[in-house]
Amino acid sequence: MSVARACILAAGIGNRLGDLQDKPPKALLEFGGKSLLARHLENLARIGVDSVAIGTGYRAEDLRAAALGAAFPGDITFVHNPDYTEGSVITMAVLGVLFFEGLFADMIAPATAKEYIAGLILLGAAPCTAMVFVWSQLTRGDAAYTLVQVSVNDVIMVFAFAPIVAFLLGVTDIAVPWETLVLSVVLYVLTPLLAGVLTRRHLTKGVTNEAEAQKRIDGFSARIKPLTILGLLATVVLLFGFQGETIIAAPERIGLIAVPLLIQSYGIFAIAYVAALLWRVPFPVAAPCALIGTSNFFELAVAVAISLFGLGSGAALATVVGVLVEVPVMLSLVAIAKRTRHLFPE
């Protein structure tokens, strides 16, 4: 009899939602009387997962107690990460400082270097909430698991994006007004989310048949899809247009910005993918688990960079290079995952 396994990475420092002394890590946040961790375990049990490995870090004992108290009938093992203070967002900031204030310092003006670092931080702090569905589909990943991942990232975006960015920009001596960050979250995260909820309610109003409701939603999605693609393409074209002078005058800048982005992307994927392999996580879970840690919500990063630093800024250019780099990098990682599928249990 085969055993379906999953891994939950809950080893973060836990400061994304505020003061460590007052706020729990996001896995312990309760909604409707249940923590996110308990809900994820119950959902995993519901889809047939009977063995879970949980990576712990900050408040490991609380996470252990919450997991063991959840309605999960299978086996739970815990792997503690003593270096839980480090993470992908931190590494992006560290890489930015290392390259633009260190290795590339003689090639870039200090003020421009600061803006490039800010752009990298914005990319690193914006976890993927959409494109991971595409990457998961390309690797034939577990759709239910991917949905859970995206749901967690949505929670992070709403509550933690502004504090993370403010903290890391402050550490790198880049002053940013809190009001602008909060407004960016409201405009680019909460407003689209609210619009989606209201649109769904409008489309399904008065419909009691689930199949008919889904038919209406699918029809609306099909009609609006071309407009969303055109909007994204127009945004990218305009961004590259406004950055055209910089790109033509100093094309090597694109390469310099791409270096830390590439190291970050392949490095984070390798860590998560190898960890999943060592824990014998099934491939349909391991692939999206590693890919979501690599992919970024670049639309948000671009929008916030423009709001904070301006359309022609170095921060905006860095996030645009992130757009340029992400798709080919992610496709290469999908190819790596598919070629190594045989190493994992199914």
Protein backbone atom coordinates (compact mmCIF):
# COMPACT_ATOMS: atom_id res chain seq x y z
CA MET A 1 0.00 0.00 0.00
CA SER A 2 1.44 3.38 -1.02
CA VAL A 3 1.74 6.19 1.51
CA ALA A 4 0.92 9.75 0.46
CA ARG A 5 3.31 12.23 2.09
CA ALA A 6 3.45 16.00 2.32
CA CYS A 7 5.71 18.61 3.88
CA ILE A 8 4.76 21.84 5.62
CA LEU A 9 7.45 24.49 5.94
CA ALA A 10 6.73 26.44 9.12
CA ALA A 11 10.29 27.36 10.07
CA GLY A 12 10.16 31.11 9.50
CA ILE A 13 11.19 33.71 12.03
CA GLY A 14 7.57 34.63 12.67
CA ASN A 15 7.96 38.42 12.67
CA ARG A 16 6.04 39.19 9.50
CA LEU A 17 2.86 40.05 11.37
CA GLY A 18 4.45 42.24 14.02
CA ASP A 19 6.28 42.11 17.33
CA LEU A 20 7.65 38.64 18.16
CA GLN A 21 6.53 39.02 21.77
CA ASP A 22 2.90 39.70 20.89
CA LYS A 23 2.18 37.92 17.62
CA PRO A 24 2.35 34.22 16.75
CA PRO A 25 3.80 32.97 13.45
CA LYS A 26 1.22 32.84 10.69
CA ALA A 27 0.81 29.04 10.96
CA LEU A 28 -0.69 29.53 14.43
CA LEU A 29 -3.14 32.28 13.48
CA GLU A 30 -6.69 31.15 14.20
CA PHE A 31 -9.68 31.57 11.89
CA GLY A 32 -13.02 30.23 13.04
CA GLY A 33 -11.42 28.67 16.11
CA LYS A 34 -8.79 26.71 14.15
CA SER A 35 -5.20 27.58 13.34
CA LEU A 36 -3.96 27.67 9.74
CA LEU A 37 -1.71 24.72 10.55
CA ALA A 38 -4.63 22.64 11.85
CA ARG A 39 -6.71 23.51 8.80
CA HIS A 40 -3.93 22.51 6.42
CA LEU A 41 -3.44 19.19 8.20
CA GLU A 42 -7.17 18.46 8.05
CA ASN A 43 -7.27 19.32 4.33
CA LEU A 44 -4.27 17.08 3.66
CA ALA A 45 -5.98 14.22 5.47
CA ARG A 46 -9.11 14.84 3.43
CA ILE A 47 -7.25 14.36 0.13
CA GLY A 48 -5.57 11.16 1.29
CA VAL A 49 -2.25 12.31 2.76
CA ASP A 50 -1.31 10.08 5.70
CA SER A 51 2.23 11.21 6.53
CA VAL A 52 3.39 14.80 7.04
CA ALA A 53 6.83 16.24 7.78
CA ILE A 54 6.76 19.71 9.37
CA GLY A 55 9.81 21.96 9.29
CA THR A 56 9.84 24.10 12.45
CA GLY A 57 11.85 27.11 13.58
CA TYR A 58 10.51 29.98 15.68
CA ARG A 59 8.16 28.76 18.47
CA ALA A 60 8.77 25.15 17.49
CA GLU A 61 7.09 23.74 20.61
CA ASP A 62 3.89 25.71 19.96
CA LEU A 63 3.83 24.48 16.37
CA ARG A 64 4.38 20.90 17.55
CA ALA A 65 1.50 21.18 20.06
CA ALA A 66 -0.84 22.67 17.45
CA ALA A 67 0.01 19.95 14.92
CA LEU A 68 -0.41 17.08 17.40
CA GLY A 69 -3.72 18.56 18.55
CA ALA A 70 -5.13 18.76 15.02
CA ALA A 71 -7.56 16.23 13.56
CA PHE A 72 -4.91 14.45 11.50
CA PRO A 73 -4.97 10.66 11.84
CA GLY A 74 -1.66 9.98 10.09
CA ASP A 75 1.99 10.21 11.10
CA ILE A 76 3.60 13.59 11.81
CA THR A 77 7.36 14.07 12.01
CA PHE A 78 9.12 17.30 12.94
CA VAL A 79 12.39 18.63 11.53
CA HIS A 80 13.74 21.64 13.40
CA ASN A 81 15.69 24.32 11.51
CA PRO A 82 18.11 26.01 13.94
CA ASP A 83 18.82 28.71 11.32
CA TYR A 84 15.19 29.76 11.06
CA THR A 85 16.13 33.45 11.15
CA GLU A 86 17.21 33.17 7.52
CA GLY A 87 14.73 33.06 4.62
CA SER A 88 14.18 33.80 0.94
CA VAL A 89 13.19 37.43 1.51
CA ILE A 90 16.28 37.96 3.66
CA THR A 91 18.51 36.29 1.06
CA MET A 92 17.23 38.61 -1.67
CA ALA A 93 18.14 41.64 0.44
CA VAL A 94 21.53 40.15 1.34
CA LEU A 95 22.28 39.32 -2.30
CA GLY A 96 21.28 42.84 -3.34
CA VAL A 97 23.62 44.46 -0.83
CA LEU A 98 26.42 41.98 -1.63
CA PHE A 99 26.36 42.67 -5.36
CA PHE A 100 25.31 46.32 -5.66
CA GLU A 101 27.18 47.71 -2.65
CA GLY A 102 30.04 45.23 -2.92
CA LEU A 103 30.96 43.38 -6.11
CA PHE A 104 29.34 45.86 -8.52
CA ALA A 105 29.96 49.02 -6.46
CA ASP A 106 32.50 50.46 -8.91
CA MET A 107 30.09 50.04 -11.83
CA ILE A 108 26.97 51.69 -10.36
CA ALA A 109 26.37 55.03 -8.65
CA PRO A 110 25.49 54.63 -4.94
CA ALA A 111 22.02 56.18 -5.33
CA THR A 112 21.20 53.86 -8.26
CA ALA A 113 22.53 50.86 -6.31
CA LYS A 114 20.10 51.68 -3.49
CA GLU A 115 17.20 51.69 -5.94
CA TYR A 116 18.27 48.35 -7.43
CA ILE A 117 18.42 46.85 -3.94
CA ALA A 118 14.94 48.22 -3.21
CA GLY A 119 13.61 46.59 -6.39
CA LEU A 120 15.10 43.22 -5.42
CA ILE A 121 13.59 43.47 -1.94
CA LEU A 122 10.16 44.20 -3.42
CA LEU A 123 10.46 41.12 -5.63
CA GLY A 124 11.61 38.91 -2.76
CA ALA A 125 8.84 40.11 -0.44
CA ALA A 126 6.04 39.41 -2.95
CA PRO A 127 5.29 35.65 -2.93
CA CYS A 128 3.57 34.14 -5.95
CA THR A 129 -0.23 34.01 -5.85
CA ALA A 130 -1.15 33.17 -9.44
CA MET A 131 1.54 31.88 -11.82
CA VAL A 132 2.33 28.97 -9.50
CA PHE A 133 -0.91 27.39 -10.76
CA VAL A 134 0.67 27.35 -14.23
CA TRP A 135 3.96 25.89 -13.00
CA SER A 136 2.10 23.29 -10.94
CA GLN A 137 -0.02 22.33 -13.92
CA LEU A 138 3.04 21.97 -16.15
CA THR A 139 4.58 19.53 -13.65
CA ARG A 140 1.23 17.80 -13.01
CA GLY A 141 1.36 18.87 -9.40
CA ASP A 142 -1.33 18.34 -6.79
CA ALA A 143 -3.97 21.01 -7.48
CA ALA A 144 -5.39 20.92 -3.93
CA TYR A 145 -1.95 21.34 -2.37
CA THR A 146 -1.15 24.20 -4.74
CA LEU A 147 -4.39 25.93 -3.78
CA VAL A 148 -3.46 25.67 -0.08
CA GLN A 149 -0.05 27.19 -0.82
CA VAL A 150 -1.57 30.09 -2.72
CA SER A 151 -4.10 30.68 0.08
CA VAL A 152 -1.27 30.98 2.60
CA ASN A 153 0.57 33.40 0.32
CA ASP A 154 -2.59 35.50 -0.02
CA VAL A 155 -2.74 35.82 3.77
CA ILE A 156 0.93 36.82 3.82
CA MET A 157 0.34 39.44 1.13
CA VAL A 158 -2.52 41.08 3.01
CA PHE A 159 -0.91 41.20 6.46
CA ALA A 160 2.83 40.92 5.98
CA PHE A 161 3.95 42.51 2.70
CA ALA A 162 4.11 46.08 4.05
CA PRO A 163 5.93 45.15 7.33
CA ILE A 164 8.46 42.97 5.49
CA VAL A 165 9.26 45.64 2.91
CA ALA A 166 9.43 48.41 5.51
CA PHE A 167 11.75 46.36 7.71
CA LEU A 168 14.17 45.30 4.95
CA LEU A 169 14.27 48.71 3.29
CA GLY A 170 14.93 50.22 6.71
CA VAL A 171 17.80 47.79 7.32
CA THR A 172 19.37 48.82 4.01
CA ASP A 173 18.93 52.53 4.86
CA ILE A 174 16.24 53.21 2.26
CA ALA A 175 13.53 55.47 3.66
CA VAL A 176 9.97 54.59 2.63
CA PRO A 177 6.75 56.07 4.09
CA TRP A 178 4.51 53.50 5.75
CA GLU A 179 1.43 55.23 4.35
CA THR A 180 2.55 54.54 0.79
CA LEU A 181 3.23 50.87 1.51
CA VAL A 182 -0.15 50.35 3.16
CA LEU A 183 -1.90 52.19 0.32
CA SER A 184 -0.09 49.94 -2.17
CA VAL A 185 -1.41 46.82 -0.41
CA VAL A 186 -4.93 48.27 -0.40
CA LEU A 187 -4.79 49.21 -4.10
CA TYR A 188 -2.97 46.20 -5.52
CA VAL A 189 -4.02 43.36 -3.18
CA LEU A 190 -7.19 44.11 -1.22
CA THR A 191 -9.04 45.98 -3.97
CA PRO A 192 -8.62 43.22 -6.62
CA LEU A 193 -9.52 40.62 -3.97
CA LEU A 194 -12.69 42.51 -3.04
CA ALA A 195 -13.54 43.02 -6.71
CA GLY A 196 -13.20 39.28 -7.29
CA VAL A 197 -15.47 38.42 -4.36
CA LEU A 198 -18.15 40.92 -5.45
CA THR A 199 -17.95 39.76 -9.07
CA ARG A 200 -18.37 36.12 -8.06
CA ARG A 201 -21.35 36.97 -5.88
CA HIS A 202 -22.95 38.95 -8.70
CA LEU A 203 -22.44 36.13 -11.22
CA THR A 204 -23.90 33.47 -8.91
CA LYS A 205 -26.69 35.56 -7.40
CA GLY A 206 -29.93 33.61 -7.32
CA VAL A 207 -28.27 30.42 -8.61
CA THR A 208 -28.72 27.33 -6.42
CA ASN A 209 -27.25 24.78 -8.81
CA GLU A 210 -23.49 24.49 -8.34
CA ALA A 211 -22.89 23.39 -11.93
CA GLU A 212 -24.79 26.40 -13.29
CA ALA A 213 -22.87 28.77 -10.99
CA GLN A 214 -19.56 27.34 -12.19
CA LYS A 215 -20.73 27.64 -15.80
CA ARG A 216 -21.41 31.35 -15.32
CA ILE A 217 -18.02 31.91 -13.69
CA ASP A 218 -16.21 29.99 -16.45
CA GLY A 219 -18.04 31.98 -19.12
CA PHE A 220 -17.11 35.29 -17.52
CA SER A 221 -13.49 34.17 -17.13
CA ALA A 222 -13.31 33.22 -20.80
CA ARG A 223 -14.67 36.62 -21.87
CA ILE A 224 -12.35 38.68 -19.69
CA LYS A 225 -9.19 36.59 -20.17
CA PRO A 226 -8.07 38.33 -23.41
CA LEU A 227 -8.38 41.72 -21.68
CA THR A 228 -6.20 40.63 -18.75
CA ILE A 229 -3.51 39.36 -21.13
CA LEU A 230 -3.60 42.59 -23.13
CA GLY A 231 -3.40 44.62 -19.91
CA LEU A 232 -0.35 42.70 -18.70
CA LEU A 233 1.40 42.97 -22.09
CA ALA A 234 0.63 46.69 -22.31
CA THR A 235 2.06 47.23 -18.82
CA VAL A 236 5.29 45.39 -19.65
CA VAL A 237 5.67 47.23 -22.99
CA LEU A 238 5.15 50.61 -21.31
CA LEU A 239 7.61 49.76 -18.55
CA PHE A 240 10.31 48.74 -20.99
CA GLY A 241 9.48 51.82 -23.07
CA PHE A 242 10.02 54.18 -20.15
CA GLN A 243 13.22 52.32 -19.25
CA GLY A 244 14.35 52.25 -22.90
CA GLU A 245 16.96 54.98 -22.53
CA THR A 246 18.66 53.15 -19.65
CA ILE A 247 18.50 49.80 -21.45
CA ILE A 248 20.03 51.23 -24.64
CA ALA A 249 22.64 53.37 -22.89
CA ALA A 250 23.75 50.69 -20.42
CA PRO A 251 22.47 47.22 -21.43
CA GLU A 252 24.98 45.63 -19.08
CA ARG A 253 22.81 46.89 -16.20
CA ILE A 254 20.22 44.26 -17.13
CA GLY A 255 22.85 41.56 -16.74
CA LEU A 256 24.04 42.96 -13.40
CA ILE A 257 20.51 43.00 -11.99
CA ALA A 258 19.84 39.50 -13.33
CA VAL A 259 22.81 37.92 -11.48
CA PRO A 260 21.38 38.03 -7.91
CA LEU A 261 17.92 37.19 -9.26
CA LEU A 262 19.24 34.03 -10.90
CA ILE A 263 21.21 32.98 -7.81
CA GLN A 264 18.14 33.54 -5.64
CA SER A 265 15.79 31.62 -7.94
CA TYR A 266 17.91 28.54 -8.51
CA GLY A 267 19.19 28.51 -4.93
CA ILE A 268 15.76 28.61 -3.26
CA PHE A 269 14.42 25.96 -5.67
CA ALA A 270 17.38 23.67 -4.97
CA ILE A 271 17.00 23.94 -1.18
CA ALA A 272 13.25 23.23 -1.19
CA TYR A 273 13.43 20.52 -3.87
CA VAL A 274 16.30 18.61 -2.24
CA ALA A 275 14.61 18.88 1.19
CA ALA A 276 11.41 17.41 -0.30
CA LEU A 277 13.46 14.61 -1.87
CA LEU A 278 15.17 13.78 1.43
CA TRP A 279 11.81 13.74 3.22
CA ARG A 280 10.41 11.44 0.51
CA VAL A 281 7.60 13.85 -0.33
CA PRO A 282 5.53 12.69 -3.33
CA PHE A 283 6.44 14.48 -6.56
CA PRO A 284 2.97 16.07 -7.10
CA VAL A 285 3.53 17.92 -3.81
CA ALA A 286 7.30 18.39 -3.97
CA ALA A 287 7.30 20.15 -7.36
CA PRO A 288 4.82 22.96 -6.54
CA CYS A 289 6.33 23.20 -3.04
CA ALA A 290 9.73 24.12 -4.53
CA LEU A 291 8.38 26.21 -7.40
CA ILE A 292 6.20 28.49 -5.29
CA GLY A 293 9.19 29.46 -3.17
CA THR A 294 10.99 30.56 -6.33
CA SER A 295 8.22 32.40 -8.16
CA ASN A 296 7.29 36.00 -7.30
CA PHE A 297 4.22 38.20 -7.55
CA PHE A 298 6.07 40.46 -9.98
CA GLU A 299 3.00 42.52 -10.91
CA LEU A 300 2.74 43.75 -7.32
CA ALA A 301 6.49 44.35 -7.07
CA VAL A 302 6.44 46.44 -10.26
CA ALA A 303 3.40 48.45 -9.15
CA VAL A 304 4.83 49.21 -5.69
CA ALA A 305 8.25 50.11 -7.13
CA ILE A 306 6.61 52.64 -9.43
CA SER A 307 4.47 54.03 -6.58
CA LEU A 308 7.42 54.42 -4.22
CA PHE A 309 10.29 55.39 -6.53
CA GLY A 310 8.80 56.47 -9.87
CA LEU A 311 8.37 54.95 -13.32
CA GLY A 312 11.91 55.69 -14.47
CA SER A 313 13.64 54.62 -11.26
CA GLY A 314 16.22 51.91 -10.74
CA ALA A 315 13.78 50.07 -8.47
CA ALA A 316 11.22 49.90 -11.28
CA LEU A 317 13.94 48.67 -13.68
CA ALA A 318 15.00 45.94 -11.23
CA THR A 319 11.43 44.65 -10.91
CA VAL A 320 11.00 44.73 -14.71
CA VAL A 321 14.17 42.65 -15.06
CA GLY A 322 12.52 40.29 -12.57
CA VAL A 323 9.63 39.93 -15.03
CA LEU A 324 12.11 39.31 -17.85
CA VAL A 325 14.02 36.67 -15.88
CA GLU A 326 11.15 34.85 -14.16
CA VAL A 327 9.45 33.11 -17.09
CA PRO A 328 12.54 31.47 -18.65
CA VAL A 329 13.91 30.59 -15.21
CA MET A 330 10.65 29.02 -14.08
CA LEU A 331 10.30 27.07 -17.33
CA SER A 332 13.83 25.72 -16.85
CA LEU A 333 12.95 24.68 -13.28
CA VAL A 334 9.80 22.97 -14.53
CA ALA A 335 11.98 21.05 -17.01
CA ILE A 336 14.39 20.06 -14.20
CA ALA A 337 11.50 18.89 -12.04
CA LYS A 338 9.96 16.80 -14.82
CA ARG A 339 13.28 15.15 -15.66
CA THR A 340 13.88 14.20 -12.01
CA ARG A 341 10.33 13.04 -11.27
CA HIS A 342 11.51 9.41 -11.14
CA LEU A 343 13.54 10.16 -8.01
CA PHE A 344 10.41 10.85 -5.97
CA PRO A 345 7.63 8.58 -4.67
CA GLU A 346 4.30 9.09 -6.39
